[in-house]
PDB file of N, CA and C in Angstrom:
ATOM      1  N   MET A   1      28.922  92.263 177.630  1.00  0.00           N
ATOM      2  CA  MET A   1      28.591  93.732 177.344  1.00  0.00           C
ATOM      3  C   MET A   1      27.920  93.669 175.898  1.00  0.00           C
ATOM      4  N   THR A   2      26.804  94.076 175.732  1.00  0.00           N
ATOM      5  CA  THR A   2      26.019  94.116 174.490  1.00  0.00           C
ATOM      6  C   THR A   2      25.964  95.607 174.026  1.00  0.00           C
ATOM      7  N   PRO A   3      26.603  96.038 173.050  1.00  0.00           N
ATOM      8  CA  PRO A   3      26.465  97.459 172.539  1.00  0.00           C
ATOM      9  C   PRO A   3      25.046  97.605 171.896  1.00  0.00           C
ATOM     10  N   GLU A   4      24.653  98.872 172.092  1.00  0.00           N
ATOM     11  CA  GLU A   4      23.347  99.279 171.464  1.00  0.00           C
ATOM     12  C   GLU A   4      23.791  99.857 170.095  1.00  0.00           C
ATOM     13  N   LEU A   5      23.031  99.441 169.030  1.00  0.00           N
ATOM     14  CA  LEU A   5      23.221  99.964 167.728  1.00  0.00           C
ATOM     15  C   LEU A   5      22.260 101.052 167.440  1.00  0.00           C
ATOM     16  N   TYR A   6      22.891 102.262 166.988  1.00  0.00           N
ATOM     17  CA  TYR A   6      22.059 103.363 166.421  1.00  0.00           C
ATOM     18  C   TYR A   6      22.883 104.049 165.311  1.00  0.00           C
ATOM     19  N   LEU A   7      22.185 105.072 164.810  1.00  0.00           N
ATOM     20  CA  LEU A   7      22.794 105.771 163.607  1.00  0.00           C
ATOM     21  C   LEU A   7      23.509 106.974 164.118  1.00  0.00           C
ATOM     22  N   ASN A   8      24.758 107.255 163.531  1.00  0.00           N
ATOM     23  CA  ASN A   8      25.547 108.512 164.052  1.00  0.00           C
ATOM     24  C   ASN A   8      25.065 109.678 163.070  1.00  0.00           C
ATOM     25  N   HIS A   9      25.756 110.738 163.202  1.00  0.00           N
ATOM     26  CA  HIS A   9      25.190 111.941 162.505  1.00  0.00           C
ATOM     27  C   HIS A   9      25.415 111.739 160.968  1.00  0.00           C
ATOM     28  N   GLN A  10      26.181 110.802 160.437  1.00  0.00           N
ATOM     29  CA  GLN A  10      26.311 110.552 159.108  1.00  0.00           C
ATOM     30  C   GLN A  10      25.334 109.481 158.588  1.00  0.00           C
ATOM     31  N   GLY A  11      24.519 108.961 159.439  1.00  0.00           N
ATOM     32  CA  GLY A  11      23.592 107.874 159.121  1.00  0.00           C
ATOM     33  C   GLY A  11      24.277 106.554 159.113  1.00  0.00           C
ATOM     34  N   GLN A  12      25.400 106.333 159.532  1.00  0.00           N
ATOM     35  CA  GLN A  12      25.998 105.053 159.553  1.00  0.00           C
ATOM     36  C   GLN A  12      25.766 104.351 160.999  1.00  0.00           C
ATOM     37  N   ALA A  13      25.564 102.990 160.860  1.00  0.00           N
ATOM     38  CA  ALA A  13      25.303 102.312 162.040  1.00  0.00           C
ATOM     39  C   ALA A  13      26.592 102.287 162.873  1.00  0.00           C
ATOM     40  N   ARG A  14      26.360 102.508 164.203  1.00  0.00           N
ATOM     41  CA  ARG A  14      27.465 102.617 165.216  1.00  0.00           C
ATOM     42  C   ARG A  14      27.065 101.956 166.511  1.00  0.00           C
ATOM     43  N   ALA A  15      28.013 101.236 167.015  1.00  0.00           N
ATOM     44  CA  ALA A  15      27.825 100.619 168.284  1.00  0.00           C
ATOM     45  C   ALA A  15      27.999 101.683 169.468  1.00  0.00           C
ATOM     46  N   GLY A  16      27.035 101.798 170.333  1.00  0.00           N
ATOM     47  CA  GLY A  16      27.203 102.737 171.437  1.00  0.00           C
ATOM     48  C   GLY A  16      27.552 102.101 172.671  1.00  0.00           C
ATOM     49  N   VAL A  17      28.787 102.223 173.162  1.00  0.00           N
ATOM     50  CA  VAL A  17      29.079 101.604 174.408  1.00  0.00           C
ATOM     51  C   VAL A  17      29.287 102.633 175.461  1.00  0.00           C
ATOM     52  N   LYS A  18      28.579 102.392 176.494  1.00  0.00           N
ATOM     53  CA  LYS A  18      28.626 103.257 177.655  1.00  0.00           C
ATOM     54  C   LYS A  18      29.825 103.193 178.563  1.00  0.00           C
ATOM     55  N   SER A  19      30.217 104.251 179.188  1.00  0.00           N
ATOM     56  CA  SER A  19      31.429 104.167 180.034  1.00  0.00           C
ATOM     57  C   SER A  19      31.240 103.133 181.123  1.00  0.00           C
ATOM     58  N   ARG A  20      30.001 103.164 181.815  1.00  0.00           N
ATOM     59  CA  ARG A  20      29.746 102.212 182.890  1.00  0.00           C
ATOM     60  C   ARG A  20      29.937 100.772 182.515  1.00  0.00           C
ATOM     61  N   ASP A  21      29.683 100.416 181.111  1.00  0.00           N
ATOM     62  CA  ASP A  21      29.899  99.208 180.701  1.00  0.00           C
ATOM     63  C   ASP A  21      31.398  98.746 180.560  1.00  0.00           C
ATOM     64  N   ILE A  22      32.124  99.655 180.227  1.00  0.00           N
ATOM     65  CA  ILE A  22      33.608  99.569 180.112  1.00  0.00           C
ATOM     66  C   ILE A  22      34.149  99.470 181.448  1.00  0.00           C
ATOM     67  N   ILE A  23      33.721 100.186 182.305  1.00  0.00           N
ATOM     68  CA  ILE A  23      34.190 100.164 183.878  1.00  0.00           C
ATOM     69  C   ILE A  23      33.795  98.630 184.335  1.00  0.00           C
ATOM     70  N   LYS A  24      32.708  98.124 184.042  1.00  0.00           N
ATOM     71  CA  LYS A  24      32.287  96.746 184.511  1.00  0.00           C
ATOM     72  C   LYS A  24      33.276  95.754 183.912  1.00  0.00           C
ATOM     73  N   GLU A  25      33.640  95.948 182.648  1.00  0.00           N
ATOM     74  CA  GLU A  25      34.466  94.995 181.964  1.00  0.00           C
ATOM     75  C   GLU A  25      35.936  95.049 182.582  1.00  0.00           C
ATOM     76  N   ILE A  26      36.445  96.296 182.777  1.00  0.00           N
ATOM     77  CA  ILE A  26      37.834  96.235 183.328  1.00  0.00           C
ATOM     78  C   ILE A  26      37.825  95.868 184.880  1.00  0.00           C
ATOM     79  N   GLU A  27      36.760  96.140 185.591  1.00  0.00           N
ATOM     80  CA  GLU A  27      36.710  95.683 186.963  1.00  0.00           C
ATOM     81  C   GLU A  27      36.615  94.171 187.029  1.00  0.00           C
ATOM     82  N   ALA A  28      35.905  93.543 186.125  1.00  0.00           N
ATOM     83  CA  ALA A  28      35.818  92.150 186.166  1.00  0.00           C
ATOM     84  C   ALA A  28      37.253  91.524 185.937  1.00  0.00           C
ATOM     85  N   ASP A  29      38.138  92.268 185.277  1.00  0.00           N
ATOM     86  CA  ASP A  29      39.586  91.768 185.041  1.00  0.00           C
ATOM     87  C   ASP A  29      40.445  92.093 186.200  1.00  0.00           C
ATOM     88  N   GLY A  30      39.923  92.720 187.261  1.00  0.00           N
ATOM     89  CA  GLY A  30      40.748  92.936 188.541  1.00  0.00           C
ATOM     90  C   GLY A  30      41.240  94.426 188.739  1.00  0.00           C
ATOM     91  N   TRP A  31      40.774  95.267 187.775  1.00  0.00           N
ATOM     92  CA  TRP A  31      41.088  96.664 187.853  1.00  0.00           C
ATOM     93  C   TRP A  31      40.327  97.431 188.926  1.00  0.00           C
ATOM     94  N   TYR A  32      40.763  98.319 189.580  1.00  0.00           N
ATOM     95  CA  TYR A  32      39.983  99.048 190.742  1.00  0.00           C
ATOM     96  C   TYR A  32      40.205 100.468 190.523  1.00  0.00           C
ATOM     97  N   LEU A  33      39.334 101.182 191.005  1.00  0.00           N
ATOM     98  CA  LEU A  33      39.219 102.628 190.972  1.00  0.00           C
ATOM     99  C   LEU A  33      40.318 103.254 191.845  1.00  0.00           C
ATOM    100  N   ASP A  34      41.261 103.946 191.206  1.00  0.00           N
ATOM    101  CA  ASP A  34      42.319 104.556 192.089  1.00  0.00           C
ATOM    102  C   ASP A  34      41.993 105.951 192.410  1.00  0.00           C
ATOM    103  N   ARG A  35      41.500 106.796 191.422  1.00  0.00           N
ATOM    104  CA  ARG A  35      41.277 108.241 191.730  1.00  0.00           C
ATOM    105  C   ARG A  35      40.386 108.675 190.653  1.00  0.00           C
ATOM    106  N   VAL A  36      39.817 109.833 190.823  1.00  0.00           N
ATOM    107  CA  VAL A  36      38.985 110.626 189.730  1.00  0.00           C
ATOM    108  C   VAL A  36      39.754 111.845 189.514  1.00  0.00           C
ATOM    109  N   SER A  37      39.898 112.153 188.205  1.00  0.00           N
ATOM    110  CA  SER A  37      40.519 113.375 187.737  1.00  0.00           C
ATOM    111  C   SER A  37      39.603 114.109 186.822  1.00  0.00           C
ATOM    112  N   GLY A  38      38.853 114.963 187.267  1.00  0.00           N
ATOM    113  CA  GLY A  38      37.828 115.652 186.300  1.00  0.00           C
ATOM    114  C   GLY A  38      36.777 114.748 185.868  1.00  0.00           C
ATOM    115  N   SER A  39      36.643 114.537 184.615  1.00  0.00           N
ATOM    116  CA  SER A  39      35.557 113.626 184.165  1.00  0.00           C
ATOM    117  C   SER A  39      36.205 112.231 183.891  1.00  0.00           C
ATOM    118  N   HIS A  40      37.285 111.966 184.302  1.00  0.00           N
ATOM    119  CA  HIS A  40      38.031 110.544 184.040  1.00  0.00           C
ATOM    120  C   HIS A  40      38.146 109.839 185.419  1.00  0.00           C
ATOM    121  N   HIS A  41      37.740 108.625 185.241  1.00  0.00           N
ATOM    122  CA  HIS A  41      38.093 107.678 186.425  1.00  0.00           C
ATOM    123  C   HIS A  41      39.461 106.913 186.043  1.00  0.00           C
ATOM    124  N   ILE A  42      40.314 106.866 186.986  1.00  0.00           N
ATOM    125  CA  ILE A  42      41.621 106.390 186.681  1.00  0.00           C
ATOM    126  C   ILE A  42      41.679 104.958 187.548  1.00  0.00           C
ATOM    127  N   PHE A  43      42.002 103.903 186.743  1.00  0.00           N
ATOM    128  CA  PHE A  43      41.861 102.606 187.326  1.00  0.00           C
ATOM    129  C   PHE A  43      43.439 101.995 187.367  1.00  0.00           C
ATOM    130  N   LYS A  44      43.578 101.193 188.430  1.00  0.00           N
ATOM    131  CA  LYS A  44      44.937 100.537 188.636  1.00  0.00           C
ATOM    132  C   LYS A  44      44.667  99.030 188.782  1.00  0.00           C
ATOM    133  N   HIS A  45      45.716  98.265 188.570  1.00  0.00           N
ATOM    134  CA  HIS A  45      45.624  96.782 188.690  1.00  0.00           C
ATOM    135  C   HIS A  45      46.615  96.361 189.660  1.00  0.00           C
ATOM    136  N   PRO A  46      46.315  95.365 190.594  1.00  0.00           N
ATOM    137  CA  PRO A  46      47.263  94.918 191.531  1.00  0.00           C
ATOM    138  C   PRO A  46      48.495  94.328 190.975  1.00  0.00           C
ATOM    139  N   THR A  47      48.464  93.782 189.776  1.00  0.00           N
ATOM    140  CA  THR A  47      49.643  93.100 189.238  1.00  0.00           C
ATOM    141  C   THR A  47      50.104  93.627 187.873  1.00  0.00           C
ATOM    142  N   LYS A  48      49.266  94.173 187.156  1.00  0.00           N
ATOM    143  CA  LYS A  48      49.573  94.816 185.868  1.00  0.00           C
ATOM    144  C   LYS A  48      50.162  96.159 186.067  1.00  0.00           C
ATOM    145  N   SER A  49      51.031  96.562 185.179  1.00  0.00           N
ATOM    146  CA  SER A  49      51.645  97.961 185.321  1.00  0.00           C
ATOM    147  C   SER A  49      50.763  98.936 184.675  1.00  0.00           C
ATOM    148  N   GLY A  50      50.923 100.194 185.057  1.00  0.00           N
ATOM    149  CA  GLY A  50      50.192 101.328 184.271  1.00  0.00           C
ATOM    150  C   GLY A  50      48.861 101.571 184.928  1.00  0.00           C
ATOM    151  N   SER A  51      48.071 102.684 184.289  1.00  0.00           N
ATOM    152  CA  SER A  51      46.890 102.946 184.742  1.00  0.00           C
ATOM    153  C   SER A  51      45.993 103.081 183.550  1.00  0.00           C
ATOM    154  N   VAL A  52      44.674 103.084 183.726  1.00  0.00           N
ATOM    155  CA  VAL A  52      43.605 103.097 182.601  1.00  0.00           C
ATOM    156  C   VAL A  52      42.663 104.213 182.837  1.00  0.00           C
ATOM    157  N   PRO A  53      42.752 105.260 182.122  1.00  0.00           N
ATOM    158  CA  PRO A  53      41.762 106.395 182.267  1.00  0.00           C
ATOM    159  C   PRO A  53      40.459 105.992 181.504  1.00  0.00           C
ATOM    160  N   VAL A  54      39.339 106.254 182.150  1.00  0.00           N
ATOM    161  CA  VAL A  54      37.979 105.989 181.545  1.00  0.00           C
ATOM    162  C   VAL A  54      37.286 107.250 181.568  1.00  0.00           C
ATOM    163  N   PRO A  55      36.716 107.763 180.479  1.00  0.00           N
ATOM    164  CA  PRO A  55      36.007 109.036 180.558  1.00  0.00           C
ATOM    165  C   PRO A  55      34.587 108.676 181.116  1.00  0.00           C
ATOM    166  N   HIS A  56      34.208 109.422 182.232  1.00  0.00           N
ATOM    167  CA  HIS A  56      32.879 108.980 182.885  1.00  0.00           C
ATOM    168  C   HIS A  56      32.309 110.078 183.471  1.00  0.00           C
ATOM    169  N   PRO A  57      30.929 110.367 183.406  1.00  0.00           N
ATOM    170  CA  PRO A  57      29.984 109.593 182.746  1.00  0.00           C
ATOM    171  C   PRO A  57      30.008 109.913 181.201  1.00  0.00           C
ATOM    172  N   LYS A  58      29.763 108.972 180.407  1.00  0.00           N
ATOM    173  CA  LYS A  58      29.797 109.137 178.882  1.00  0.00           C
ATOM    174  C   LYS A  58      28.927 108.169 178.297  1.00  0.00           C
ATOM    175  N   LYS A  59      27.846 108.474 177.602  1.00  0.00           N
ATOM    176  CA  LYS A  59      26.887 107.523 177.010  1.00  0.00           C
ATOM    177  C   LYS A  59      27.507 106.807 175.781  1.00  0.00           C
ATOM    178  N   ASP A  60      28.249 107.492 174.880  1.00  0.00           N
ATOM    179  CA  ASP A  60      28.857 106.993 173.745  1.00  0.00           C
ATOM    180  C   ASP A  60      30.285 107.122 173.605  1.00  0.00           C
ATOM    181  N   VAL A  61      31.097 106.143 174.017  1.00  0.00           N
ATOM    182  CA  VAL A  61      32.516 106.233 173.879  1.00  0.00           C
ATOM    183  C   VAL A  61      32.963 105.780 172.572  1.00  0.00           C
ATOM    184  N   PRO A  62      33.793 106.703 171.784  1.00  0.00           N
ATOM    185  CA  PRO A  62      34.218 106.431 170.496  1.00  0.00           C
ATOM    186  C   PRO A  62      34.905 105.233 170.415  1.00  0.00           C
ATOM    187  N   LYS A  63      34.891 104.547 169.253  1.00  0.00           N
ATOM    188  CA  LYS A  63      35.516 103.178 168.954  1.00  0.00           C
ATOM    189  C   LYS A  63      37.010 103.222 169.289  1.00  0.00           C
ATOM    190  N   GLY A  64      37.708 104.229 168.723  1.00  0.00           N
ATOM    191  CA  GLY A  64      39.043 104.383 169.060  1.00  0.00           C
ATOM    192  C   GLY A  64      39.467 104.559 170.502  1.00  0.00           C
ATOM    193  N   THR A  65      38.607 105.262 171.251  1.00  0.00           N
ATOM    194  CA  THR A  65      38.836 105.330 172.634  1.00  0.00           C
ATOM    195  C   THR A  65      38.613 104.072 173.402  1.00  0.00           C
ATOM    196  N   LEU A  66      37.540 103.401 173.028  1.00  0.00           N
ATOM    197  CA  LEU A  66      37.299 102.060 173.531  1.00  0.00           C
ATOM    198  C   LEU A  66      38.506 101.142 173.231  1.00  0.00           C
ATOM    199  N   ASN A  67      38.961 101.094 171.924  1.00  0.00           N
ATOM    200  CA  ASN A  67      40.113 100.241 171.712  1.00  0.00           C
ATOM    201  C   ASN A  67      41.351 100.576 172.507  1.00  0.00           C
ATOM    202  N   SER A  68      41.608 101.818 172.827  1.00  0.00           N
ATOM    203  CA  SER A  68      42.666 102.423 173.567  1.00  0.00           C
ATOM    204  C   SER A  68      42.642 101.924 174.917  1.00  0.00           C
ATOM    205  N   ILE A  69      41.476 102.055 175.527  1.00  0.00           N
ATOM    206  CA  ILE A  69      41.123 101.544 176.884  1.00  0.00           C
ATOM    207  C   ILE A  69      41.374 100.007 177.037  1.00  0.00           C
ATOM    208  N   ARG A  70      40.960  99.332 176.191  1.00  0.00           N
ATOM    209  CA  ARG A  70      41.071  97.868 176.235  1.00  0.00           C
ATOM    210  C   ARG A  70      42.590  97.378 175.983  1.00  0.00           C
ATOM    211  N   LYS A  71      43.172  98.155 175.204  1.00  0.00           N
ATOM    212  CA  LYS A  71      44.635  97.891 174.964  1.00  0.00           C
ATOM    213  C   LYS A  71      45.467  98.289 176.255  1.00  0.00           C
ATOM    214  N   LEU A  72      45.183  99.326 176.859  1.00  0.00           N
ATOM    215  CA  LEU A  72      45.861  99.645 178.124  1.00  0.00           C
ATOM    216  C   LEU A  72      45.661  98.667 179.212  1.00  0.00           C
ATOM    217  N   ALA A  73      44.431  98.226 179.221  1.00  0.00           N
ATOM    218  CA  ALA A  73      44.051  97.251 180.320  1.00  0.00           C
ATOM    219  C   ALA A  73      44.490  95.806 179.962  1.00  0.00           C
ATOM    220  N   GLY A  74      44.998  95.628 178.778  1.00  0.00           N
ATOM    221  CA  GLY A  74      45.539  94.286 178.378  1.00  0.00           C
ATOM    222  C   GLY A  74      44.379  93.352 178.118  1.00  0.00           C
ATOM    223  N   LEU A  75      43.337  93.849 177.668  1.00  0.00           N
ATOM    224  CA  LEU A  75      42.183  93.060 177.238  1.00  0.00           C
ATOM    225  C   LEU A  75      42.127  92.911 175.798  1.00  0.00           C
ATOM    226  N   LYS A  76      43.002  93.456 174.959  1.00  0.00           N
ATOM    227  CA  LYS A  76      42.930  93.359 173.498  1.00  0.00           C
ATOM    228  C   LYS A  76      44.354  93.108 173.068  1.00  0.00           C
TER     229      LYS A  76
END
């Protein structure tokens, strides 16, 4: 996954990660779509415990949200 770089509202460089790129990343690790709840796709894993909510569709997922998703998925 290659993030696109652009400037945020404060003029700082920021990596824009799309929700579909996050979904591809966690699906590659074995997570599958369990259900959709509003604007969130909820993923489960056959062997790992818990679930991972991903806001979708969303063009720019904030860095903290991205880190939280990766942590829940066991990728970080």
